[in-house]
Protein backbone atom coordinates (compact mmCIF):
# COMPACT_ATOMS: atom_id res chain seq x y z
CA MET A 1 145.63 115.80 184.14
CA LYS A 2 145.52 114.87 180.46
CA LYS A 3 142.75 117.39 179.88
CA ALA A 4 144.69 120.09 181.75
CA VAL A 5 147.84 119.43 179.78
CA CYS A 6 145.91 119.48 176.51
CA LEU A 7 144.28 122.75 177.51
CA ILE A 8 147.65 124.36 178.36
CA VAL A 9 149.18 123.14 175.07
CA SER A 10 146.21 124.44 173.10
CA VAL A 11 146.45 127.87 174.74
CA MET A 12 150.19 128.02 174.00
CA LEU A 13 149.63 127.08 170.36
CA LEU A 14 146.98 129.78 170.05
CA VAL A 15 149.37 132.38 171.53
CA LEU A 16 152.16 131.33 169.16
CA ALA A 17 149.83 131.38 166.20
CA ALA A 18 148.61 134.84 167.12
CA ALA A 19 152.19 136.06 167.44
CA GLY A 20 153.01 134.54 164.05
CA CYS A 21 150.09 136.25 162.38
CA GLY A 22 151.04 139.55 163.94
CA SER A 23 154.55 139.19 162.51
CA LYS A 24 153.28 138.40 159.05
CA SER A 25 150.89 141.35 159.03
CA GLU A 26 153.70 143.84 159.87
CA THR A 27 156.68 142.35 157.99
CA PRO A 28 155.61 143.05 154.39
CA ALA A 29 155.17 146.77 155.07
CA LYS A 30 158.50 146.96 156.90
CA ASP A 31 160.25 144.92 154.24
CA GLU A 32 158.88 147.08 151.43
CA THR A 33 159.94 150.26 153.23
CA LYS A 34 163.41 148.89 153.86
CA LYS A 35 163.65 147.68 150.26
CA ALA A 36 162.67 151.08 148.94
CA GLU A 37 165.28 152.73 151.12
CA THR A 38 168.12 150.34 150.36
CA GLU A 39 167.66 149.32 146.75
CA ALA A 40 169.74 151.09 144.15
CA LYS A 41 167.44 153.14 142.01
CA GLY A 42 167.09 151.32 138.73
CA ASP A 43 169.32 148.27 139.34
CA GLY A 44 167.36 146.37 141.98
CA LYS A 45 170.45 145.64 144.12
CA ALA A 46 170.32 146.25 147.83
CA GLU A 47 172.74 148.84 149.21
CA ASP A 48 173.72 149.87 152.70
CA THR A 49 172.52 153.46 152.61
CA SER A 50 174.16 154.18 155.94
CA LYS A 51 177.58 154.06 154.28
CA PRO A 52 179.09 156.79 152.09
CA ILE A 53 179.49 156.37 148.35
CA LYS A 54 183.14 156.04 147.39
CA ILE A 55 184.59 157.29 144.11
CA ALA A 56 188.27 156.73 143.34
CA LEU A 57 190.51 159.31 141.68
CA TYR A 58 193.87 158.18 140.35
CA GLY A 59 196.42 160.25 138.47
CA PRO A 60 199.87 161.82 138.71
CA LEU A 61 200.15 163.65 142.03
CA THR A 62 203.94 163.57 141.97
CA GLY A 63 206.48 163.76 139.15
CA ASN A 64 206.56 165.74 135.91
CA ASN A 65 202.79 165.64 135.35
CA ALA A 66 201.81 166.38 138.94
CA GLN A 67 200.20 169.69 138.03
CA TYR A 68 197.50 167.88 136.07
CA GLY A 69 196.71 165.35 138.78
CA LEU A 70 196.69 168.03 141.46
CA THR A 71 194.25 170.07 139.37
CA TYR A 72 191.98 167.04 139.20
CA GLN A 73 192.23 166.59 142.95
CA ALA A 74 191.58 170.24 143.82
CA THR A 75 188.62 170.46 141.43
CA ILE A 76 186.97 167.23 142.56
CA ASN A 77 187.53 167.96 146.26
CA ALA A 78 185.78 171.32 145.86
CA LEU A 79 182.91 169.71 143.97
CA CYS A 80 182.60 166.86 146.46
CA GLU A 81 182.33 169.34 149.32
CA LYS A 82 179.60 171.20 147.44
CA VAL A 83 177.68 168.03 146.57
CA ASN A 84 177.75 166.87 150.19
CA ALA A 85 176.63 170.28 151.43
CA GLU A 86 173.63 169.95 149.13
CA GLY A 87 172.64 166.51 150.44
CA GLY A 88 175.08 164.17 148.73
CA ILE A 89 173.74 161.49 146.43
CA ASN A 90 170.17 160.82 147.52
CA GLY A 91 171.15 161.61 151.10
CA ARG A 92 174.39 159.64 151.11
CA GLU A 93 177.75 161.31 151.66
CA VAL A 94 180.26 161.14 148.80
CA VAL A 95 183.89 160.29 149.59
CA VAL A 96 186.75 160.60 147.09
CA GLU A 97 189.66 158.19 147.58
CA VAL A 98 192.80 159.55 145.90
CA PHE A 99 195.67 157.46 144.46
CA ASP A 100 198.97 158.58 142.91
CA ASP A 101 199.95 156.65 139.77
CA LYS A 102 203.02 158.89 139.18
CA ASN A 103 202.22 158.85 135.45
CA ASP A 104 203.65 155.33 135.36
CA GLN A 105 202.07 152.25 133.77
CA LYS A 106 203.17 149.77 136.44
CA GLU A 107 202.10 152.08 139.24
CA ALA A 108 198.74 152.62 137.54
CA LEU A 109 198.19 148.86 137.32
CA ASN A 110 199.01 148.49 141.02
CA VAL A 111 196.63 151.31 141.86
CA ALA A 112 193.86 149.77 139.75
CA ASN A 113 194.16 146.44 141.57
CA LEU A 114 194.12 148.26 144.89
CA ILE A 115 190.97 150.15 143.92
CA VAL A 116 189.00 147.09 142.79
CA SER A 117 189.97 145.30 146.01
CA ASP A 118 187.80 147.79 147.90
CA PRO A 119 184.16 146.72 147.38
CA GLU A 120 182.92 150.13 148.52
CA ILE A 121 184.46 151.96 145.53
CA VAL A 122 181.76 152.12 142.86
CA ALA A 123 183.29 154.36 140.17
CA VAL A 124 186.67 155.68 139.06
CA ILE A 125 188.07 158.90 137.57
CA GLY A 126 191.52 158.76 135.91
CA SER A 127 194.13 158.76 134.70
CA GLN A 128 195.70 161.79 133.00
CA THR A 129 197.84 160.33 130.21
CA SER A 130 197.23 157.46 127.87
CA SER A 131 199.85 154.91 128.99
CA PRO A 132 198.73 154.63 132.65
CA THR A 133 195.09 154.69 131.57
CA LEU A 134 195.61 151.90 129.06
CA ALA A 135 197.29 149.82 131.79
CA ALA A 136 194.50 150.32 134.34
CA ALA A 137 191.34 150.30 132.20
CA PRO A 138 191.15 146.49 131.68
CA VAL A 139 191.17 145.97 135.47
CA PHE A 140 188.15 148.22 135.93
CA GLU A 141 186.35 146.75 132.95
CA GLU A 142 186.78 143.22 134.27
CA ALA A 143 185.47 144.34 137.66
CA GLY A 144 182.49 146.06 136.05
CA ILE A 145 183.42 149.42 137.59
CA PRO A 146 182.74 152.47 135.40
CA MET A 147 185.83 154.59 134.71
CA ILE A 148 185.96 158.06 133.15
CA THR A 149 189.32 159.49 132.19
CA PRO A 150 189.27 163.28 132.14
CA GLN A 151 192.05 163.62 129.60
CA ALA A 152 193.58 160.41 128.19
CA SER A 153 192.69 160.17 124.52
CA HIS A 154 194.45 157.22 122.90
CA VAL A 155 192.21 155.41 120.41
CA ASP A 156 192.56 152.07 122.25
CA ILE A 157 191.36 153.24 125.70
CA THR A 158 187.57 153.18 125.39
CA PRO A 159 187.48 150.00 123.24
CA THR A 160 188.62 148.24 126.43
CA GLY A 161 184.95 147.81 127.26
CA ASN A 162 181.53 149.35 127.85
CA HIS A 163 182.44 150.70 131.29
CA ILE A 164 185.29 152.91 129.99
CA PHE A 165 184.67 156.55 128.96
CA SER A 166 186.77 159.61 128.16
CA MET A 167 185.95 163.30 128.58
CA SER A 168 188.51 164.19 125.90
CA CYS A 169 188.30 163.97 122.14
CA LEU A 170 190.42 161.30 120.49
CA ALA A 171 194.10 162.19 120.22
CA THR A 172 193.83 161.86 116.47
CA PHE A 173 191.31 164.71 116.47
CA GLU A 174 193.72 167.15 118.11
CA GLY A 175 196.59 166.09 115.87
CA GLY A 176 194.44 166.81 112.85
CA VAL A 177 193.34 170.21 114.15
CA ILE A 178 196.93 171.33 114.75
CA ALA A 179 197.98 170.10 111.33
CA GLN A 180 195.14 172.09 109.78
CA ARG A 181 196.21 175.24 111.63
CA MET A 182 199.78 174.93 110.34
CA ILE A 183 198.40 174.41 106.83
CA GLU A 184 196.17 177.49 107.12
CA ASP A 185 199.15 179.52 108.39
CA LYS A 186 200.85 178.59 105.08
CA TYR A 187 204.05 177.04 106.36
CA THR A 188 205.89 174.91 103.81
CA LYS A 189 208.52 173.24 106.04
CA VAL A 190 207.45 171.90 109.41
CA ALA A 191 208.82 169.67 112.17
CA ALA A 192 207.60 167.98 115.34
CA ILE A 193 209.02 166.87 118.67
CA TYR A 194 207.03 164.36 120.70
CA ALA A 195 207.22 161.93 123.60
CA ASN A 196 207.73 158.28 122.72
CA ASP A 197 204.67 157.12 124.64
CA ASP A 198 201.19 155.93 123.72
CA TYR A 199 199.77 159.45 123.46
CA GLY A 200 202.68 160.92 121.51
CA LEU A 201 202.87 158.06 119.04
CA ASN A 202 199.12 158.10 118.53
CA ILE A 203 198.73 161.84 117.95
CA ILE A 204 201.80 162.27 115.73
CA GLU A 205 200.58 159.78 113.13
CA LYS A 206 197.43 161.78 112.41
CA TRP A 207 199.46 164.99 112.26
CA LYS A 208 201.94 163.45 109.80
CA SER A 209 199.14 162.08 107.65
CA ASP A 210 197.31 165.40 107.33
CA ILE A 211 200.47 167.42 106.76
CA THR A 212 201.66 165.01 104.06
CA GLU A 213 198.25 165.01 102.38
CA ALA A 214 198.48 168.81 102.13
CA ASN A 215 201.84 168.47 100.33
CA ILE A 216 203.73 170.25 103.11
CA GLU A 217 207.27 169.05 103.73
CA ILE A 218 208.02 167.45 107.11
CA VAL A 219 211.70 168.27 107.43
CA ASP A 220 212.25 166.55 110.79
CA THR A 221 210.51 164.66 113.60
CA GLU A 222 212.24 163.98 116.90
CA GLU A 223 211.10 161.74 119.74
CA TYR A 224 212.25 161.49 123.34
CA ILE A 225 211.42 159.66 126.57
CA SER A 226 209.13 161.72 128.78
CA GLY A 227 210.30 162.04 132.37
CA GLN A 228 213.85 161.05 131.45
CA THR A 229 214.94 163.57 128.84
CA SER A 230 215.87 167.00 130.14
CA ASP A 231 218.48 168.07 127.61
CA PHE A 232 216.64 168.64 124.34
CA THR A 233 219.42 170.60 122.67
CA PRO A 234 220.68 167.71 120.47
CA LEU A 235 217.14 167.17 119.12
CA LEU A 236 216.44 170.88 118.76
CA SER A 237 219.74 171.43 116.98
CA LYS A 238 218.66 168.92 114.34
CA ILE A 239 215.35 170.73 113.95
CA LYS A 240 217.16 174.05 113.62
CA GLU A 241 219.44 172.66 110.94
CA SER A 242 216.47 171.16 109.07
CA GLY A 243 215.21 174.57 108.05
CA ALA A 244 211.84 174.14 109.79
CA GLU A 245 209.61 177.21 109.75
CA ALA A 246 207.20 175.85 112.38
CA LEU A 247 207.44 173.25 115.14
CA TYR A 248 204.69 171.12 116.67
CA ILE A 249 205.49 170.51 120.36
CA VAL A 250 203.40 167.54 121.47
CA PRO A 251 204.48 166.97 125.11
CA SER A 252 203.20 167.95 128.55
CA TYR A 253 203.67 171.46 129.93
CA ALA A 254 206.83 170.56 131.89
CA ASP A 255 208.64 169.13 128.87
CA ALA A 256 207.24 171.85 126.59
CA ALA A 257 208.54 174.55 128.95
CA MET A 258 212.05 173.05 128.82
CA ILE A 259 211.86 172.78 125.03
CA CYS A 260 210.83 176.44 124.67
CA THR A 261 213.57 177.56 127.06
CA GLN A 262 216.24 175.59 125.20
CA MET A 263 214.96 176.87 121.85
CA ASP A 264 215.62 180.38 123.13
CA GLN A 265 219.13 179.38 124.15
CA LEU A 266 219.72 178.01 120.63
CA ASP A 267 218.41 181.24 119.05
CA MET A 268 215.44 179.51 117.41
CA GLY A 269 213.05 182.43 117.79
CA ASN A 270 212.32 182.47 114.07
CA ILE A 271 210.52 179.12 114.31
CA GLN A 272 206.80 179.36 115.12
CA LYS A 273 205.89 177.08 118.03
CA TYR A 274 202.58 175.17 118.21
CA ALA A 275 201.66 173.33 121.43
CA CYS A 276 198.97 170.82 122.30
CA SER A 277 196.14 171.46 124.75
CA MET A 278 198.18 170.07 127.66
CA CYS A 279 200.14 173.34 127.57
CA TYR A 280 197.10 175.54 128.20
CA THR A 281 197.88 175.86 131.89
CA ASP A 282 199.33 178.50 134.20
CA SER A 283 202.15 176.09 135.00
CA PHE A 284 203.40 176.23 131.40
CA LEU A 285 203.48 180.03 131.47
CA GLU A 286 205.28 180.05 134.81
CA ALA A 287 207.83 177.39 133.85
CA ALA A 288 208.61 178.72 130.37
CA GLY A 289 208.49 182.41 131.20
CA GLU A 290 209.49 184.66 128.30
CA ALA A 291 210.49 181.62 126.25
CA ALA A 292 206.77 180.79 125.84
CA GLU A 293 206.10 184.07 124.02
CA GLY A 294 204.50 183.61 120.62
CA THR A 295 203.57 179.97 121.17
CA LYS A 296 200.21 179.03 119.66
CA VAL A 297 198.21 176.72 121.91
CA CYS A 298 194.89 175.00 121.26
CA ASN A 299 192.35 174.34 123.99
CA PHE A 300 188.75 173.24 124.43
CA ILE A 301 187.64 176.30 126.43
CA TYR A 302 186.20 179.47 124.93
CA PRO A 303 187.30 182.22 127.34
CA GLU A 304 184.33 184.52 126.74
CA THR A 305 181.75 181.82 127.32
CA THR A 306 178.58 182.66 129.18
CA ASP A 307 177.85 179.00 129.85
CA GLU A 308 176.29 178.67 133.31
CA THR A 309 178.08 175.43 134.18
CA PHE A 310 181.50 176.86 133.34
CA LEU A 311 180.85 180.11 135.21
CA ALA A 312 179.62 178.21 138.28
CA LEU A 313 182.76 176.06 138.22
CA LYS A 314 184.97 179.12 137.80
CA LYS A 315 183.28 180.79 140.78
CA LEU A 316 183.67 177.68 142.94
CA LEU A 317 187.34 177.17 142.08
CA THR A 318 188.11 180.86 142.56
CA GLU A 319 186.67 180.61 146.06
CA LYS A 320 188.15 177.23 146.98
CA THR A 321 191.52 177.11 145.16
CA ASP A 322 194.31 179.34 143.88
CA MET A 323 193.55 178.63 140.20
CA GLU A 324 193.55 181.66 137.90
CA ASN A 325 193.02 180.12 134.46
CA ILE A 326 190.32 177.45 134.55
CA ASP A 327 191.86 174.95 132.17
CA VAL A 328 190.60 171.80 130.51
CA TYR A 329 191.93 169.68 133.39
CA ALA A 330 189.53 171.46 135.71
CA THR A 331 186.57 171.36 133.32
CA ASN A 332 187.07 167.72 132.31
CA SER A 333 187.50 166.49 135.89
CA HIS A 334 184.38 168.49 136.80
CA ASP A 335 182.43 166.80 134.02
CA ALA A 336 183.71 163.32 134.93
CA PHE A 337 182.79 163.72 138.61
CA MET A 338 179.42 165.39 138.13
CA LEU A 339 178.38 162.91 135.44
CA LEU A 340 178.97 160.09 137.90
CA VAL A 341 177.09 161.96 140.62
CA ASP A 342 174.09 162.56 138.35
CA ALA A 343 174.19 158.97 137.13
CA MET A 344 174.08 157.58 140.66
CA LYS A 345 171.27 159.92 141.63
CA GLU A 346 169.26 158.32 138.85
CA VAL A 347 170.27 154.65 138.80
CA GLY A 348 172.18 153.93 142.02
CA THR A 349 175.67 152.48 142.31
CA ASP A 350 175.46 149.41 140.09
CA GLY A 351 178.32 149.60 137.58
CA ASP A 352 176.33 148.32 134.60
CA ALA A 353 173.51 150.76 135.27
CA ILE A 354 175.91 153.71 135.58
CA ALA A 355 177.67 152.77 132.34
CA GLN A 356 174.36 152.49 130.51
CA TRP A 357 173.21 155.87 131.86
CA LEU A 358 176.44 157.47 130.63
CA THR A 359 176.04 155.82 127.22
CA ASP A 360 172.50 157.16 126.88
CA VAL A 361 173.11 160.70 128.21
CA LYS A 362 172.21 163.46 125.73
CA ASP A 363 173.32 167.09 125.86
CA TRP A 364 174.32 166.87 129.52
CA PRO A 365 175.41 170.39 130.64
CA GLY A 366 179.20 170.07 130.81
CA ALA A 367 181.67 172.81 131.68
CA CYS A 368 182.95 172.83 128.07
CA GLY A 369 179.49 172.58 126.56
CA PRO A 370 176.79 169.89 126.19
CA ILE A 371 178.02 166.31 126.53
CA THR A 372 176.81 163.44 124.39
CA PHE A 373 179.07 160.41 124.03
CA ASP A 374 179.52 159.09 120.50
CA GLU A 375 179.95 155.43 119.57
CA THR A 376 183.56 155.54 120.81
CA ARG A 377 182.41 156.82 124.24
CA HIS A 378 184.17 160.16 123.62
CA PRO A 379 182.30 163.47 123.44
CA ASP A 380 182.23 165.83 120.49
CA LYS A 381 184.07 169.06 121.35
CA GLN A 382 185.47 172.13 119.67
CA LEU A 383 189.04 173.46 119.85
CA PHE A 384 189.93 177.14 120.22
CA TRP A 385 193.25 178.85 119.53
CA PHE A 386 195.36 181.07 121.77
CA GLN A 387 198.77 182.72 121.52
CA VAL A 388 201.06 183.52 124.44
CA GLU A 389 201.55 187.26 124.57
CA GLY A 390 202.81 189.19 127.58
CA GLY A 391 202.78 186.04 129.68
CA GLN A 392 199.09 185.39 129.02
CA PHE A 393 196.95 183.28 126.70
CA ASN A 394 195.33 185.64 124.22
CA TYR A 395 192.36 184.30 122.29
CA LEU A 396 192.86 184.00 118.52
CA GLY A 397 189.65 182.26 117.46
CA GLU A 398 188.33 178.83 116.50
């Protein structure tokens, strides 16, 4: 009996040993295959490749600045559909989760906390103006989630941390360019009207500095609360009485349209109007109507460009949306989204790896020209000038 039992035990041990060896001989190959399929390219972190890649978009979808946020949404939705039709990101579907911050700081902070609470969201695009972006950026930086704002340009946004980027030039750059244009146009008495928010306060200081340095008299500057002020006539009356020959209108298209309309009502047609790049949009032309005539507007798009990226975007948006003028909100949201897509194709979804890829990118083919981020994590871009004539933006030159 003892011999029989020993024999049975020995046979069982041999069977188990054989099974164990078989497992060891197959596991490494399977493990390596699975690892290759599930590791993020470049960061070494395992991912569930069966799940889609989520990118969050937050911006104003309602309220005075809704046109900008809706342009972001329409552009990115069209691009996302195209990317997925072409195989997604290394075979994974891309999903865009959209959040409305209503162009409000508190709402943007709430949205940011909601976004980082979802572990499947790996990158963020937004917001449109500086105040909401400044409120949300620290949340994404702390979470290690890369964020690209298509438009916000306050000098304090990207210093939040290494994961924060902007597709726009610094606000100070645009303020300086508009000041230079007014100087070149040889005006001697100028004024400005601007929103009392982070963007307005930031951009107006550079404008004032350059105008003063050129020994041009600033006869008046008026500020207002964006989203709350609708009657600009008291402010405009002061500007009219100041003897201003030219007026810098800093605000968004909705406010700028009301300002132009009320200037007409106050018979201020002799004052040359200059508007920031936020006004290069069909919505400004529609809202202001004839009151927009003569307004000089700067923008980052050269209308006669033969750039392949821009023309491909224009073709896509013409087919998928009702956009007529492809403005900087479309081009910048395109660049933000496609940069993230290309980054993740190369390095996976790890936030640090994406941020490093963006930092290192050189002459990436953007819709407004090649993109290379400088030390402030803003790109170098060029501004072009237009004048509203016959309800259209007519190109004036660089």
